[in-house]
Amino acid sequence: MANQLGVCNPSGFAYSYHLRAPQNNIWACSVPPGFTFDQTRNQLGVCNPSGFAYSYHLRG
């Protein structure tokens, strides 16, 4: 995640995200169809740029 000027918002700052295809044994901000999770983390600024949110360790 990056907060960049003029990238996703031509007149100001906005967040952009580096996306990966879901796969086994990675951390994600949501659980896609066909996957489960075995761990969670509640972290500041990871899945929610302005607060705490859960991320999920994917198992598929």
C-alpha atoms as a PDB file:
ATOM      1  CA  MET A   1       0.000   0.000   0.000  1.00  0.00           C
ATOM      2  CA  ALA A   2       1.262   3.447  -0.849  1.00  0.00           C
ATOM      3  CA  ASN A   3      -0.197   6.914  -0.394  1.00  0.00           C
ATOM      4  CA  GLN A   4       0.855   8.744  -3.558  1.00  0.00           C
ATOM      5  CA  LEU A   5       0.116  12.113  -5.095  1.00  0.00           C
ATOM      6  CA  GLY A   6      -1.652  12.035  -8.469  1.00  0.00           C
ATOM      7  CA  VAL A   7      -1.679   8.253  -8.928  1.00  0.00           C
ATOM      8  CA  CYS A   8      -5.222   7.108  -8.061  1.00  0.00           C
ATOM      9  CA  ASN A   9      -6.508  10.653  -7.543  1.00  0.00           C
ATOM     10  CA  PRO A  10      -5.354  13.158 -10.191  1.00  0.00           C
ATOM     11  CA  SER A  11      -5.857  16.131  -7.849  1.00  0.00           C
ATOM     12  CA  GLY A  12      -4.419  14.789  -4.600  1.00  0.00           C
ATOM     13  CA  PHE A  13      -3.193  11.898  -2.523  1.00  0.00           C
ATOM     14  CA  ALA A  14      -4.827   8.449  -2.579  1.00  0.00           C
ATOM     15  CA  TYR A  15      -3.937   4.896  -1.609  1.00  0.00           C
ATOM     16  CA  SER A  16      -2.861   2.321  -4.168  1.00  0.00           C
ATOM     17  CA  TYR A  17      -2.429  -1.397  -3.489  1.00  0.00           C
ATOM     18  CA  HIS A  18      -0.117  -4.103  -4.815  1.00  0.00           C
ATOM     19  CA  LEU A  19      -2.340  -7.102  -5.630  1.00  0.00           C
ATOM     20  CA  ARG A  20      -1.424 -10.760  -5.897  1.00  0.00           C
ATOM     21  CA  ALA A  21      -3.426 -13.762  -7.010  1.00  0.00           C
ATOM     22  CA  PRO A  22      -4.644 -15.701  -3.956  1.00  0.00           C
ATOM     23  CA  GLN A  23      -2.483 -18.648  -3.022  1.00  0.00           C
ATOM     24  CA  ASN A  24      -1.750 -20.864  -0.059  1.00  0.00           C
ATOM     25  CA  ASN A  25       0.345 -19.471   2.817  1.00  0.00           C
ATOM     26  CA  ILE A  26       0.085 -15.706   2.212  1.00  0.00           C
ATOM     27  CA  TRP A  27      -1.537 -12.936   4.276  1.00  0.00           C
ATOM     28  CA  ALA A  28      -4.564 -11.202   2.736  1.00  0.00           C
ATOM     29  CA  CYS A  29      -7.116  -8.568   3.713  1.00  0.00           C
ATOM     30  CA  SER A  30     -10.042 -10.795   2.791  1.00  0.00           C
ATOM     31  CA  VAL A  31     -10.682 -14.503   2.287  1.00  0.00           C
ATOM     32  CA  PRO A  32     -11.408 -15.277  -1.381  1.00  0.00           C
ATOM     33  CA  PRO A  33     -13.756 -18.074  -2.497  1.00  0.00           C
ATOM     34  CA  GLY A  34     -12.176 -21.508  -2.225  1.00  0.00           C
ATOM     35  CA  PHE A  35      -9.822 -20.508   0.610  1.00  0.00           C
ATOM     36  CA  THR A  36      -9.954 -20.734   4.376  1.00  0.00           C
ATOM     37  CA  PHE A  37      -7.657 -19.175   6.966  1.00  0.00           C
ATOM     38  CA  ASP A  38      -5.800 -20.509   9.980  1.00  0.00           C
ATOM     39  CA  GLN A  39      -4.580 -17.290  11.637  1.00  0.00           C
ATOM     40  CA  THR A  40      -5.644 -13.663  11.937  1.00  0.00           C
ATOM     41  CA  ARG A  41      -3.793 -10.459  12.780  1.00  0.00           C
ATOM     42  CA  ASN A  42      -5.329  -7.164  13.838  1.00  0.00           C
ATOM     43  CA  GLN A  43      -2.853  -4.513  12.669  1.00  0.00           C
ATOM     44  CA  LEU A  44      -2.782  -0.764  12.309  1.00  0.00           C
ATOM     45  CA  GLY A  45      -2.477   0.588   8.760  1.00  0.00           C
ATOM     46  CA  VAL A  46      -2.211  -2.757   6.935  1.00  0.00           C
ATOM     47  CA  CYS A  47      -5.681  -3.583   5.580  1.00  0.00           C
ATOM     48  CA  ASN A  48      -7.154  -0.241   6.653  1.00  0.00           C
ATOM     49  CA  PRO A  49      -4.919   2.771   5.958  1.00  0.00           C
ATOM     50  CA  SER A  50      -6.507   4.839   8.737  1.00  0.00           C
ATOM     51  CA  GLY A  51      -7.000   2.288  11.509  1.00  0.00           C
ATOM     52  CA  PHE A  52      -6.918  -1.293  12.700  1.00  0.00           C
ATOM     53  CA  ALA A  53      -8.229  -4.180  10.594  1.00  0.00           C
ATOM     54  CA  TYR A  54      -7.818  -7.948  10.400  1.00  0.00           C
ATOM     55  CA  SER A  55      -5.656  -9.780   7.889  1.00  0.00           C
ATOM     56  CA  TYR A  56      -5.961 -13.507   7.218  1.00  0.00           C
ATOM     57  CA  HIS A  57      -3.370 -16.231   6.654  1.00  0.00           C
ATOM     58  CA  LEU A  58      -4.764 -18.106   3.662  1.00  0.00           C
ATOM     59  CA  ARG A  59      -4.966 -21.859   3.311  1.00  0.00           C
ATOM     60  CA  GLY A  60      -6.262 -23.264   0.061  1.00  0.00           C
END
